[in-house]
C-alpha atoms as a PDB file:
ATOM      1  CA  UNK A   1      11.370 -94.319 -23.292  1.00  0.00           C
ATOM      2  CA  UNK A   2      14.564 -93.063 -22.172  1.00  0.00           C
ATOM      3  CA  UNK A   3      16.035 -94.878 -26.191  1.00  0.00           C
ATOM      4  CA  UNK A   4      13.189 -93.023 -28.013  1.00  0.00           C
ATOM      5  CA  UNK A   5      14.134 -89.464 -26.012  1.00  0.00           C
ATOM      6  CA  UNK A   6      17.596 -89.827 -26.539  1.00  0.00           C
ATOM      7  CA  UNK A   7      17.058 -90.357 -30.023  1.00  0.00           C
ATOM      8  CA  UNK A   8      15.037 -87.514 -30.176  1.00  0.00           C
ATOM      9  CA  UNK A   9      17.265 -84.982 -29.084  1.00  0.00           C
ATOM     10  CA  UNK A  10      20.038 -86.732 -31.964  1.00  0.00           C
ATOM     11  CA  UNK A  11      17.986 -86.129 -34.635  1.00  0.00           C
ATOM     12  CA  UNK A  12      16.387 -82.143 -33.178  1.00  0.00           C
ATOM     13  CA  UNK A  13      20.507 -81.257 -32.484  1.00  0.00           C
ATOM     14  CA  UNK A  14      21.317 -82.491 -36.483  1.00  0.00           C
ATOM     15  CA  UNK A  15      18.419 -80.783 -38.301  1.00  0.00           C
ATOM     16  CA  UNK A  16      18.872 -77.416 -35.760  1.00  0.00           C
ATOM     17  CA  UNK A  17      22.546 -77.224 -34.110  1.00  0.00           C
ATOM     18  CA  UNK A  18      24.658 -78.520 -36.750  1.00  0.00           C
ATOM     19  CA  UNK A  19      23.607 -76.339 -39.525  1.00  0.00           C
ATOM     20  CA  UNK A  20      24.133 -73.033 -36.645  1.00  0.00           C
ATOM     21  CA  UNK A  21      27.601 -74.096 -36.485  1.00  0.00           C
ATOM     22  CA  UNK A  22      28.064 -73.393 -40.068  1.00  0.00           C
ATOM     23  CA  UNK A  23      28.631 -70.170 -42.192  1.00  0.00           C
ATOM     24  CA  UNK A  24      24.731 -69.231 -43.883  1.00  0.00           C
ATOM     25  CA  UNK A  25      25.088 -68.894 -47.562  1.00  0.00           C
ATOM     26  CA  UNK A  26      23.176 -66.272 -49.342  1.00  0.00           C
ATOM     27  CA  UNK A  27      19.782 -67.671 -50.696  1.00  0.00           C
ATOM     28  CA  UNK A  28      18.628 -67.629 -53.916  1.00  0.00           C
ATOM     29  CA  UNK A  29      14.893 -67.840 -53.837  1.00  0.00           C
ATOM     30  CA  UNK A  30      13.221 -66.093 -49.606  1.00  0.00           C
ATOM     31  CA  UNK A  31      10.086 -66.682 -48.891  1.00  0.00           C
ATOM     32  CA  UNK A  32       8.338 -64.894 -46.004  1.00  0.00           C
ATOM     33  CA  UNK A  33       4.905 -65.210 -44.417  1.00  0.00           C
ATOM     34  CA  UNK A  34       3.905 -62.552 -41.259  1.00  0.00           C
ATOM     35  CA  UNK A  35       1.056 -61.456 -39.233  1.00  0.00           C
ATOM     36  CA  UNK A  36       0.501 -58.652 -37.031  1.00  0.00           C
ATOM     37  CA  UNK A  37      -0.675 -55.120 -36.618  1.00  0.00           C
ATOM     38  CA  UNK A  38      -0.457 -51.641 -37.872  1.00  0.00           C
ATOM     39  CA  UNK A  39      -2.261 -47.906 -37.683  1.00  0.00           C
ATOM     40  CA  UNK A  40      -3.956 -45.815 -40.329  1.00  0.00           C
ATOM     41  CA  UNK A  41      -2.217 -41.978 -40.381  1.00  0.00           C
ATOM     42  CA  UNK A  42      -5.534 -40.926 -41.404  1.00  0.00           C
ATOM     43  CA  UNK A  43      -7.646 -39.994 -38.903  1.00  0.00           C
ATOM     44  CA  UNK A  44     -10.910 -39.367 -40.222  1.00  0.00           C
ATOM     45  CA  UNK A  45     -13.839 -37.607 -40.106  1.00  0.00           C
ATOM     46  CA  UNK A  46     -16.012 -38.536 -37.581  1.00  0.00           C
ATOM     47  CA  UNK A  47     -18.793 -35.990 -38.011  1.00  0.00           C
ATOM     48  CA  UNK A  48     -22.026 -37.398 -39.081  1.00  0.00           C
ATOM     49  CA  UNK A  49     -25.096 -35.208 -40.059  1.00  0.00           C
ATOM     50  CA  UNK A  50     -27.852 -35.605 -36.909  1.00  0.00           C
ATOM     51  CA  UNK A  51     -25.675 -37.313 -34.457  1.00  0.00           C
ATOM     52  CA  UNK A  52     -25.773 -36.471 -30.926  1.00  0.00           C
ATOM     53  CA  UNK A  53     -23.867 -38.862 -28.488  1.00  0.00           C
ATOM     54  CA  UNK A  54     -20.226 -37.886 -31.133  1.00  0.00           C
ATOM     55  CA  UNK A  55     -18.598 -39.256 -28.225  1.00  0.00           C
ATOM     56  CA  UNK A  56     -19.561 -42.859 -29.709  1.00  0.00           C
ATOM     57  CA  UNK A  57     -18.720 -41.978 -33.645  1.00  0.00           C
ATOM     58  CA  UNK A  58     -15.332 -40.700 -31.875  1.00  0.00           C
ATOM     59  CA  UNK A  59     -14.483 -44.298 -30.853  1.00  0.00           C
ATOM     60  CA  UNK A  60     -15.863 -45.838 -33.999  1.00  0.00           C
ATOM     61  CA  UNK A  61     -13.012 -43.837 -36.182  1.00  0.00           C
ATOM     62  CA  UNK A  62     -10.460 -45.014 -33.739  1.00  0.00           C
ATOM     63  CA  UNK A  63     -11.289 -48.502 -33.891  1.00  0.00           C
ATOM     64  CA  UNK A  64     -11.212 -47.937 -37.875  1.00  0.00           C
ATOM     65  CA  UNK A  65      -7.007 -46.935 -37.077  1.00  0.00           C
ATOM     66  CA  UNK A  66      -6.145 -49.788 -35.774  1.00  0.00           C
ATOM     67  CA  UNK A  67      -5.866 -52.426 -38.471  1.00  0.00           C
ATOM     68  CA  UNK A  68      -4.514 -56.700 -38.327  1.00  0.00           C
ATOM     69  CA  UNK A  69      -2.850 -57.200 -41.109  1.00  0.00           C
ATOM     70  CA  UNK A  70      -1.622 -60.383 -43.057  1.00  0.00           C
ATOM     71  CA  UNK A  71       1.396 -60.256 -45.661  1.00  0.00           C
ATOM     72  CA  UNK A  72       4.176 -62.574 -48.077  1.00  0.00           C
ATOM     73  CA  UNK A  73       5.944 -62.103 -50.380  1.00  0.00           C
ATOM     74  CA  UNK A  74       8.829 -64.183 -52.724  1.00  0.00           C
ATOM     75  CA  UNK A  75      11.785 -62.395 -53.937  1.00  0.00           C
ATOM     76  CA  UNK A  76      14.680 -63.939 -56.067  1.00  0.00           C
ATOM     77  CA  UNK A  77      18.526 -62.315 -55.383  1.00  0.00           C
ATOM     78  CA  UNK A  78      19.736 -61.622 -58.612  1.00  0.00           C
ATOM     79  CA  UNK A  79      22.976 -60.872 -56.893  1.00  0.00           C
ATOM     80  CA  UNK A  80      24.125 -61.643 -53.837  1.00  0.00           C
ATOM     81  CA  UNK A  81      22.432 -58.718 -51.917  1.00  0.00           C
ATOM     82  CA  UNK A  82      19.204 -57.650 -54.083  1.00  0.00           C
ATOM     83  CA  UNK A  83      16.830 -58.926 -55.555  1.00  0.00           C
ATOM     84  CA  UNK A  84      13.281 -59.083 -57.418  1.00  0.00           C
ATOM     85  CA  UNK A  85       9.604 -60.758 -56.527  1.00  0.00           C
ATOM     86  CA  UNK A  86       6.252 -60.017 -56.117  1.00  0.00           C
ATOM     87  CA  UNK A  87       4.307 -59.138 -52.971  1.00  0.00           C
ATOM     88  CA  UNK A  88       0.842 -59.478 -51.109  1.00  0.00           C
ATOM     89  CA  UNK A  89      -0.873 -57.761 -48.182  1.00  0.00           C
ATOM     90  CA  UNK A  90      -4.095 -58.124 -46.875  1.00  0.00           C
ATOM     91  CA  UNK A  91      -5.249 -55.667 -43.993  1.00  0.00           C
ATOM     92  CA  UNK A  92      -8.253 -55.638 -42.256  1.00  0.00           C
ATOM     93  CA  UNK A  93     -10.249 -52.427 -40.046  1.00  0.00           C
ATOM     94  CA  UNK A  94     -13.362 -52.542 -38.093  1.00  0.00           C
ATOM     95  CA  UNK A  95     -15.251 -50.562 -35.277  1.00  0.00           C
ATOM     96  CA  UNK A  96     -19.068 -50.131 -34.241  1.00  0.00           C
ATOM     97  CA  UNK A  97     -20.870 -48.141 -31.980  1.00  0.00           C
ATOM     98  CA  UNK A  98     -24.061 -49.290 -30.386  1.00  0.00           C
ATOM     99  CA  UNK A  99     -27.060 -47.101 -29.506  1.00  0.00           C
ATOM    100  CA  UNK A 100     -26.070 -43.775 -31.658  1.00  0.00           C
ATOM    101  CA  UNK A 101     -28.580 -41.232 -31.278  1.00  0.00           C
ATOM    102  CA  UNK A 102     -29.423 -39.134 -33.902  1.00  0.00           C
ATOM    103  CA  UNK A 103     -31.671 -35.928 -34.507  1.00  0.00           C
ATOM    104  CA  UNK A 104     -33.636 -36.775 -37.851  1.00  0.00           C
ATOM    105  CA  UNK A 105     -34.463 -32.875 -38.301  1.00  0.00           C
ATOM    106  CA  UNK A 106     -38.441 -33.639 -38.019  1.00  0.00           C
ATOM    107  CA  UNK A 107     -38.216 -31.624 -34.640  1.00  0.00           C
ATOM    108  CA  UNK A 108     -40.015 -34.783 -33.138  1.00  0.00           C
ATOM    109  CA  UNK A 109     -38.096 -37.892 -32.928  1.00  0.00           C
ATOM    110  CA  UNK A 110     -34.848 -39.130 -32.159  1.00  0.00           C
ATOM    111  CA  UNK A 111     -33.197 -42.473 -33.788  1.00  0.00           C
ATOM    112  CA  UNK A 112     -31.252 -44.425 -31.523  1.00  0.00           C
ATOM    113  CA  UNK A 113     -29.194 -46.977 -34.100  1.00  0.00           C
ATOM    114  CA  UNK A 114     -25.911 -48.788 -34.047  1.00  0.00           C
ATOM    115  CA  UNK A 115     -23.136 -47.517 -36.778  1.00  0.00           C
ATOM    116  CA  UNK A 116     -20.672 -50.588 -37.681  1.00  0.00           C
ATOM    117  CA  UNK A 117     -18.038 -50.433 -40.290  1.00  0.00           C
ATOM    118  CA  UNK A 118     -15.604 -53.390 -42.138  1.00  0.00           C
ATOM    119  CA  UNK A 119     -12.985 -52.322 -44.069  1.00  0.00           C
ATOM    120  CA  UNK A 120     -10.990 -54.988 -46.335  1.00  0.00           C
ATOM    121  CA  UNK A 121      -7.842 -53.838 -48.474  1.00  0.00           C
ATOM    122  CA  UNK A 122      -6.213 -56.663 -50.480  1.00  0.00           C
ATOM    123  CA  UNK A 123      -2.595 -55.222 -52.307  1.00  0.00           C
ATOM    124  CA  UNK A 124      -0.522 -56.949 -54.933  1.00  0.00           C
ATOM    125  CA  UNK A 125       2.099 -55.923 -56.967  1.00  0.00           C
ATOM    126  CA  UNK A 126       5.718 -56.281 -58.268  1.00  0.00           C
ATOM    127  CA  UNK A 127       8.838 -56.011 -55.386  1.00  0.00           C
ATOM    128  CA  UNK A 128      12.544 -54.502 -55.590  1.00  0.00           C
ATOM    129  CA  UNK A 129      14.342 -55.790 -52.085  1.00  0.00           C
ATOM    130  CA  UNK A 130      17.497 -56.254 -50.433  1.00  0.00           C
ATOM    131  CA  UNK A 131      19.147 -59.078 -48.398  1.00  0.00           C
ATOM    132  CA  UNK A 132      22.794 -58.493 -46.655  1.00  0.00           C
ATOM    133  CA  UNK A 133      23.788 -61.016 -44.532  1.00  0.00           C
ATOM    134  CA  UNK A 134      25.738 -59.705 -41.212  1.00  0.00           C
ATOM    135  CA  UNK A 135      27.750 -61.178 -38.341  1.00  0.00           C
ATOM    136  CA  UNK A 136      30.073 -64.380 -38.631  1.00  0.00           C
ATOM    137  CA  UNK A 137      28.223 -66.962 -39.002  1.00  0.00           C
ATOM    138  CA  UNK A 138      26.267 -65.201 -41.653  1.00  0.00           C
ATOM    139  CA  UNK A 139      22.869 -66.252 -39.843  1.00  0.00           C
ATOM    140  CA  UNK A 140      21.205 -62.636 -39.134  1.00  0.00           C
ATOM    141  CA  UNK A 141      20.262 -60.644 -42.297  1.00  0.00           C
ATOM    142  CA  UNK A 142      18.785 -56.750 -42.854  1.00  0.00           C
ATOM    143  CA  UNK A 143      15.745 -56.465 -45.341  1.00  0.00           C
ATOM    144  CA  UNK A 144      14.355 -54.113 -47.357  1.00  0.00           C
ATOM    145  CA  UNK A 145      12.052 -53.748 -49.312  1.00  0.00           C
ATOM    146  CA  UNK A 146       9.884 -51.548 -52.333  1.00  0.00           C
ATOM    147  CA  UNK A 147       6.422 -52.810 -53.894  1.00  0.00           C
ATOM    148  CA  UNK A 148       4.657 -50.870 -56.106  1.00  0.00           C
ATOM    149  CA  UNK A 149       1.306 -52.018 -57.990  1.00  0.00           C
ATOM    150  CA  UNK A 150      -2.654 -51.834 -56.944  1.00  0.00           C
ATOM    151  CA  UNK A 151      -4.688 -52.123 -53.690  1.00  0.00           C
ATOM    152  CA  UNK A 152      -8.637 -53.540 -53.744  1.00  0.00           C
ATOM    153  CA  UNK A 153     -11.194 -51.750 -51.578  1.00  0.00           C
ATOM    154  CA  UNK A 154     -14.219 -53.466 -49.580  1.00  0.00           C
ATOM    155  CA  UNK A 155     -15.830 -51.010 -47.208  1.00  0.00           C
ATOM    156  CA  UNK A 156     -19.130 -52.746 -45.861  1.00  0.00           C
ATOM    157  CA  UNK A 157     -21.096 -50.264 -43.855  1.00  0.00           C
ATOM    158  CA  UNK A 158     -24.296 -50.391 -41.781  1.00  0.00           C
ATOM    159  CA  UNK A 159     -24.917 -46.831 -41.241  1.00  0.00           C
ATOM    160  CA  UNK A 160     -28.742 -45.371 -40.212  1.00  0.00           C
ATOM    161  CA  UNK A 161     -31.232 -48.504 -41.437  1.00  0.00           C
ATOM    162  CA  UNK A 162     -28.775 -48.532 -44.192  1.00  0.00           C
ATOM    163  CA  UNK A 163     -26.614 -51.084 -45.403  1.00  0.00           C
ATOM    164  CA  UNK A 164     -23.983 -50.166 -47.996  1.00  0.00           C
ATOM    165  CA  UNK A 165     -21.099 -51.607 -50.187  1.00  0.00           C
ATOM    166  CA  UNK A 166     -18.329 -49.635 -50.751  1.00  0.00           C
ATOM    167  CA  UNK A 167     -15.071 -50.810 -53.642  1.00  0.00           C
ATOM    168  CA  UNK A 168     -12.637 -49.425 -55.105  1.00  0.00           C
ATOM    169  CA  UNK A 169      -9.592 -49.482 -56.539  1.00  0.00           C
ATOM    170  CA  UNK A 170      -5.723 -47.753 -56.649  1.00  0.00           C
ATOM    171  CA  UNK A 171      -2.326 -47.773 -57.690  1.00  0.00           C
ATOM    172  CA  UNK A 172      -0.610 -48.315 -54.089  1.00  0.00           C
ATOM    173  CA  UNK A 173       2.993 -48.634 -52.998  1.00  0.00           C
ATOM    174  CA  UNK A 174       4.668 -50.258 -49.790  1.00  0.00           C
ATOM    175  CA  UNK A 175       8.185 -49.583 -48.291  1.00  0.00           C
ATOM    176  CA  UNK A 176       9.564 -51.987 -45.274  1.00  0.00           C
ATOM    177  CA  UNK A 177      12.490 -52.755 -43.714  1.00  0.00           C
ATOM    178  CA  UNK A 178      13.288 -55.627 -40.953  1.00  0.00           C
ATOM    179  CA  UNK A 179      15.781 -58.345 -39.798  1.00  0.00           C
ATOM    180  CA  UNK A 180      15.811 -62.167 -40.189  1.00  0.00           C
ATOM    181  CA  UNK A 181      17.267 -64.622 -37.992  1.00  0.00           C
ATOM    182  CA  UNK A 182      18.557 -68.012 -39.803  1.00  0.00           C
ATOM    183  CA  UNK A 183      18.778 -71.121 -37.329  1.00  0.00           C
ATOM    184  CA  UNK A 184      18.424 -73.162 -40.265  1.00  0.00           C
ATOM    185  CA  UNK A 185      19.638 -72.491 -43.966  1.00  0.00           C
ATOM    186  CA  UNK A 186      16.447 -73.163 -44.809  1.00  0.00           C
ATOM    187  CA  UNK A 187      14.668 -71.468 -42.492  1.00  0.00           C
ATOM    188  CA  UNK A 188      14.126 -68.033 -40.019  1.00  0.00           C
ATOM    189  CA  UNK A 189      12.444 -65.924 -37.775  1.00  0.00           C
ATOM    190  CA  UNK A 190      12.138 -62.615 -38.950  1.00  0.00           C
ATOM    191  CA  UNK A 191      10.355 -58.991 -37.700  1.00  0.00           C
ATOM    192  CA  UNK A 192       9.279 -56.350 -40.011  1.00  0.00           C
ATOM    193  CA  UNK A 193       8.519 -52.919 -40.047  1.00  0.00           C
ATOM    194  CA  UNK A 194       6.586 -51.162 -42.984  1.00  0.00           C
ATOM    195  CA  UNK A 195       4.220 -48.441 -44.405  1.00  0.00           C
ATOM    196  CA  UNK A 196       1.283 -48.751 -47.245  1.00  0.00           C
ATOM    197  CA  UNK A 197       0.769 -45.763 -49.053  1.00  0.00           C
ATOM    198  CA  UNK A 198      -3.018 -46.407 -50.486  1.00  0.00           C
ATOM    199  CA  UNK A 199      -5.303 -43.417 -51.010  1.00  0.00           C
ATOM    200  CA  UNK A 200      -8.970 -43.856 -53.021  1.00  0.00           C
ATOM    201  CA  UNK A 201     -10.842 -41.155 -54.804  1.00  0.00           C
ATOM    202  CA  UNK A 202     -13.503 -42.926 -56.761  1.00  0.00           C
ATOM    203  CA  UNK A 203     -15.346 -45.630 -55.232  1.00  0.00           C
ATOM    204  CA  UNK A 204     -18.082 -48.014 -56.640  1.00  0.00           C
ATOM    205  CA  UNK A 205     -21.309 -47.145 -53.993  1.00  0.00           C
ATOM    206  CA  UNK A 206     -23.948 -50.249 -53.215  1.00  0.00           C
ATOM    207  CA  UNK A 207     -27.114 -50.100 -50.860  1.00  0.00           C
ATOM    208  CA  UNK A 208     -28.523 -53.671 -53.077  1.00  0.00           C
ATOM    209  CA  UNK A 209     -31.003 -51.815 -55.315  1.00  0.00           C
ATOM    210  CA  UNK A 210     -28.658 -49.360 -56.937  1.00  0.00           C
ATOM    211  CA  UNK A 211     -24.937 -48.973 -57.917  1.00  0.00           C
ATOM    212  CA  UNK A 212     -23.431 -46.015 -58.929  1.00  0.00           C
ATOM    213  CA  UNK A 213     -19.816 -44.207 -59.326  1.00  0.00           C
ATOM    214  CA  UNK A 214     -18.746 -41.945 -56.677  1.00  0.00           C
ATOM    215  CA  UNK A 215     -15.792 -38.969 -57.126  1.00  0.00           C
ATOM    216  CA  UNK A 216     -14.734 -38.461 -54.224  1.00  0.00           C
ATOM    217  CA  UNK A 217     -13.515 -34.495 -52.769  1.00  0.00           C
ATOM    218  CA  UNK A 218     -10.218 -33.878 -51.258  1.00  0.00           C
ATOM    219  CA  UNK A 219     -11.895 -34.042 -47.581  1.00  0.00           C
ATOM    220  CA  UNK A 220     -14.019 -37.518 -48.737  1.00  0.00           C
ATOM    221  CA  UNK A 221     -11.550 -39.670 -49.795  1.00  0.00           C
ATOM    222  CA  UNK A 222     -10.541 -43.083 -48.478  1.00  0.00           C
ATOM    223  CA  UNK A 223      -7.486 -42.812 -47.013  1.00  0.00           C
ATOM    224  CA  UNK A 224      -5.344 -46.322 -45.931  1.00  0.00           C
ATOM    225  CA  UNK A 225      -2.168 -45.365 -45.918  1.00  0.00           C
ATOM    226  CA  UNK A 226      -0.265 -46.527 -42.811  1.00  0.00           C
ATOM    227  CA  UNK A 227       2.353 -48.091 -40.550  1.00  0.00           C
ATOM    228  CA  UNK A 228       2.319 -51.966 -39.959  1.00  0.00           C
ATOM    229  CA  UNK A 229       4.666 -54.380 -37.610  1.00  0.00           C
ATOM    230  CA  UNK A 230       4.744 -57.738 -38.521  1.00  0.00           C
ATOM    231  CA  UNK A 231       6.305 -60.918 -36.999  1.00  0.00           C
ATOM    232  CA  UNK A 232       6.784 -64.265 -39.376  1.00  0.00           C
ATOM    233  CA  UNK A 233       8.637 -67.300 -40.667  1.00  0.00           C
ATOM    234  CA  UNK A 234      11.331 -67.580 -43.376  1.00  0.00           C
ATOM    235  CA  UNK A 235      11.817 -70.118 -46.345  1.00  0.00           C
ATOM    236  CA  UNK A 236      14.648 -69.966 -48.069  1.00  0.00           C
ATOM    237  CA  UNK A 237      16.243 -71.695 -50.719  1.00  0.00           C
ATOM    238  CA  UNK A 238      20.146 -71.776 -51.730  1.00  0.00           C
END
């Protein structure tokens, strides 16, 4: 048992500790996979015609501003510092409000209903990135990237007895800065702060029976622009 323990410790020191004593070379390829959270810039319009319990709809739209995010990218470093690649982002927001009181406008009845919304966004695009190694052993890398591509929106709504599916797409951009810590020539951990700019002016609305294209007014547009913080794994090929 003791021999196995010493062997495991020796193997770990050989794989992780020993390479850490050497200066890291600038990688040729950098792979990144991260997850985290974000918050949307737009506060949204919580005023729904006929709704009496506006405090509940306010809470619903505040929930919709908080996003869960996953993203990944691959960059090929053409020089020691700059490279090109591809970027993918997925983010999801959701919210619900129960026992919302609605006045249908017939001066006789009130409706008690639930409101639910789930929004999914996928972004993919070309990316221009940089990687600058700092420190004596070059184990810390400062990173940045600017990506441009296309964003796809899928929004599922349950609103006063109606089930609606809203889809759309538009040009979008993402910018990020971050830092990597390389504990092995091929492995590292990273943290990234970024902002996504995505605004949808035209959507397709489906109620299960009919589908129609809708051009949104300026105050009705879906603004998915957000700021996000993510952490994750990095893989390098030298």
